[in-house]
Amino acid sequence: MDYKVIEELIKTVSDSKLTSLEVELNGIKIKMEKKNEQVFVDRAPEVLRTIAYEEKEPALKEVNNVKEEFLEDKKEEGFIVTSPIVGTFYASSGPGAEPFVKVGSKVKKGDTLCIIEAMKLMNEIESEVDGTVTEILVENEQMVEYGQPLFRII
C-alpha cells in the first residue's frame, strides 16, 4: 500500500464525520479510529511480528551453527561451558572476593562457576558436569556474547 493512499485515507477520515475506517489491501490491514478529533492508525501486529522474527531467524541459526562447530572441535578436550546470555563476566561474587573457581578447581554439577550481569541482573552460571576446570577462557569484568566459551572442564 502506498503512503500517499494512506495519507489520503487519514485526511478523508479527519475531514469527515466517520469515527472509524478499516481497509485491507494486498495483505496489509489498516484500521483508523477518530477519538477526541485525533486519527489513530493501527497496523496489524501479526505482520510486524512476522517480519521481526524472519529477520532474526537467520542470524540465530548462524550463531548456533558456529557454537556447534566450536564444540565439535573441542569435544576431545573436555566440556566447554558457554555463556547463555550477553553481559559482563564476573569471576567472583564481589570486588576483592575469592573467585568461584580457579584453574585446577574440582567442580560438581550445579556448582557456581561465575556470574554474568545482564541488565542489572546477576545470573549465576552453574557447571553442567562434574570435573576439573582446566581453562578459564575470559577475563574478569569482560563483556561476553551469547554462546561464547567461558570455561573448559575435563
Protein backbone atom coordinates (compact mmCIF):
# COMPACT_ATOMS: atom_id res chain seq x y z
CA MET A 1 0.00 0.00 0.00
CA ASP A 2 1.38 3.40 -1.00
CA TYR A 3 1.98 6.07 1.64
CA LYS A 4 0.03 8.61 -0.46
CA VAL A 5 -3.02 6.36 -0.30
CA ILE A 6 -2.63 6.10 3.48
CA GLU A 7 -2.29 9.90 3.78
CA GLU A 8 -5.44 10.38 1.68
CA LEU A 9 -7.33 7.90 3.88
CA ILE A 10 -6.21 9.76 7.01
CA LYS A 11 -7.28 13.11 5.51
CA THR A 12 -10.63 11.66 4.43
CA VAL A 13 -11.34 10.30 7.91
CA SER A 14 -10.18 13.56 9.52
CA ASP A 15 -12.38 15.72 7.29
CA SER A 16 -15.45 13.50 7.55
CA LYS A 17 -17.85 12.59 10.33
CA LEU A 18 -16.63 8.99 10.20
CA THR A 19 -15.38 7.67 13.53
CA SER A 20 -13.60 4.60 12.18
CA LEU A 21 -12.41 3.03 8.95
CA GLU A 22 -10.87 -0.37 8.28
CA VAL A 23 -9.15 -1.21 4.98
CA GLU A 24 -7.32 -4.34 3.82
CA LEU A 25 -5.30 -4.27 0.60
CA ASN A 26 -2.56 -6.62 -0.61
CA GLY A 27 -2.38 -8.39 2.75
CA ILE A 28 -1.92 -5.14 4.72
CA LYS A 29 -4.69 -4.25 7.13
CA ILE A 30 -5.11 -0.67 8.33
CA LYS A 31 -7.63 0.39 10.95
CA MET A 32 -8.25 4.07 11.75
CA GLU A 33 -10.33 5.43 14.60
CA LYS A 34 -11.11 9.04 15.37
CA LYS A 35 -11.24 9.87 19.07
CA ASN A 36 -11.14 13.38 20.51
CA GLU A 37 -10.65 14.74 16.99
CA GLN A 38 -7.45 12.72 16.53
CA VAL A 39 -6.85 9.97 13.98
CA PHE A 40 -5.12 6.79 15.15
CA VAL A 41 -3.61 4.33 12.70
CA ASP A 42 -3.27 0.73 13.84
CA ARG A 43 -1.37 -1.71 11.58
CA ALA A 44 -1.83 -5.43 12.00
CA PRO A 45 0.66 -6.57 14.68
CA GLU A 46 0.86 -10.06 13.14
CA VAL A 47 2.59 -8.64 10.05
CA LEU A 48 5.12 -6.71 12.14
CA ARG A 49 5.89 -9.70 14.39
CA THR A 50 6.39 -11.97 11.38
CA ILE A 51 8.84 -9.54 9.78
CA ALA A 52 10.84 -9.13 13.01
CA TYR A 53 11.02 -12.89 13.56
CA GLU A 54 12.09 -13.61 9.97
CA GLU A 55 14.92 -11.07 10.21
CA LYS A 56 16.33 -12.60 13.43
CA GLU A 57 15.99 -16.26 12.45
CA PRO A 58 18.99 -16.47 10.03
CA ALA A 59 21.31 -14.71 12.50
CA LEU A 60 20.25 -17.04 15.33
CA LYS A 61 20.84 -20.11 13.15
CA GLU A 62 24.29 -18.80 12.23
CA VAL A 63 25.22 -18.29 15.91
CA ASN A 64 24.02 -21.80 16.77
CA ASN A 65 25.98 -23.29 13.84
CA VAL A 66 29.20 -21.54 14.93
CA LYS A 67 28.69 -22.75 18.53
CA GLU A 68 28.09 -26.34 17.38
CA GLU A 69 31.19 -26.30 15.14
CA PHE A 70 33.31 -24.96 18.00
CA LEU A 71 32.02 -27.57 20.43
CA GLU A 72 32.62 -30.40 17.93
CA ASP A 73 36.25 -29.27 17.50
CA LYS A 74 36.79 -29.28 21.27
CA LYS A 75 34.91 -32.46 22.29
CA GLU A 76 38.08 -34.43 22.95
CA GLU A 77 39.43 -31.63 25.09
CA GLY A 78 36.64 -31.59 27.67
CA PHE A 79 33.32 -29.88 28.23
CA ILE A 80 33.07 -26.22 27.21
CA VAL A 81 30.83 -24.02 29.36
CA THR A 82 29.37 -21.25 27.20
CA SER A 83 27.59 -18.03 28.08
CA PRO A 84 23.80 -18.37 27.92
CA ILE A 85 23.40 -14.58 27.64
CA VAL A 86 25.14 -11.37 26.64
CA GLY A 87 26.56 -9.50 29.63
CA THR A 88 29.54 -8.80 31.88
CA PHE A 89 31.52 -11.78 33.24
CA TYR A 90 32.42 -11.76 36.95
CA ALA A 91 34.70 -14.46 38.38
CA SER A 92 33.66 -13.73 41.99
CA SER A 93 30.64 -12.59 43.98
CA GLY A 94 32.09 -9.13 44.54
CA PRO A 95 35.20 -6.96 44.33
CA GLY A 96 38.00 -8.44 46.41
CA ALA A 97 36.17 -11.74 46.94
CA GLU A 98 37.73 -15.09 46.06
CA PRO A 99 36.81 -16.33 42.56
CA PHE A 100 34.19 -19.07 42.40
CA VAL A 101 36.68 -21.33 40.58
CA LYS A 102 40.33 -21.28 39.51
CA VAL A 103 42.26 -23.44 37.05
CA GLY A 104 42.56 -26.81 38.79
CA SER A 105 39.37 -26.41 40.86
CA LYS A 106 37.24 -29.54 41.18
CA VAL A 107 33.58 -28.82 40.38
CA LYS A 108 30.36 -30.79 40.61
CA LYS A 109 27.23 -30.39 38.54
CA GLY A 110 25.36 -27.37 39.93
CA ASP A 111 28.42 -25.58 41.39
CA THR A 112 28.54 -21.85 40.59
CA LEU A 113 31.32 -21.05 38.13
CA CYS A 114 30.77 -17.31 37.63
CA ILE A 115 28.21 -14.53 37.44
CA ILE A 116 27.10 -12.79 34.27
CA GLU A 117 25.45 -9.43 34.78
CA ALA A 118 22.81 -8.54 32.21
CA MET A 119 20.53 -5.52 32.56
CA LYS A 120 21.49 -5.09 36.24
CA LEU A 121 20.53 -8.71 37.00
CA MET A 122 23.18 -11.08 38.35
CA ASN A 123 22.89 -14.51 36.71
CA GLU A 124 24.83 -17.35 38.34
CA ILE A 125 26.29 -19.74 35.76
CA GLU A 126 26.47 -23.30 37.10
CA SER A 127 28.52 -26.27 36.00
CA GLU A 128 26.62 -28.79 33.92
CA VAL A 129 29.17 -31.55 34.58
CA ASP A 130 31.47 -32.94 37.27
CA GLY A 131 35.19 -32.42 36.60
CA THR A 132 38.22 -30.16 36.89
CA VAL A 133 38.43 -26.63 35.50
CA THR A 134 41.38 -26.75 33.09
CA GLU A 135 40.98 -23.35 31.48
CA ILE A 136 39.22 -20.05 32.11
CA LEU A 137 38.67 -18.51 28.68
CA VAL A 138 37.64 -14.95 29.66
CA GLU A 139 38.92 -12.21 31.95
CA ASN A 140 37.08 -10.79 34.97
CA GLU A 141 34.70 -7.93 34.05
CA GLN A 142 34.95 -8.78 30.34
CA MET A 143 31.87 -8.40 28.10
CA VAL A 144 30.74 -11.80 26.82
CA GLU A 145 28.44 -12.76 23.97
CA TYR A 146 25.75 -15.42 23.79
CA GLY A 147 27.43 -18.77 23.14
CA GLN A 148 30.94 -17.51 23.93
CA PRO A 149 33.12 -20.18 25.61
CA LEU A 150 33.84 -19.35 29.28
CA PHE A 151 35.43 -22.46 30.84
CA ARG A 152 36.87 -25.82 29.84
CA ILE A 153 36.13 -28.67 32.27
CA ILE A 154 37.65 -32.15 31.97
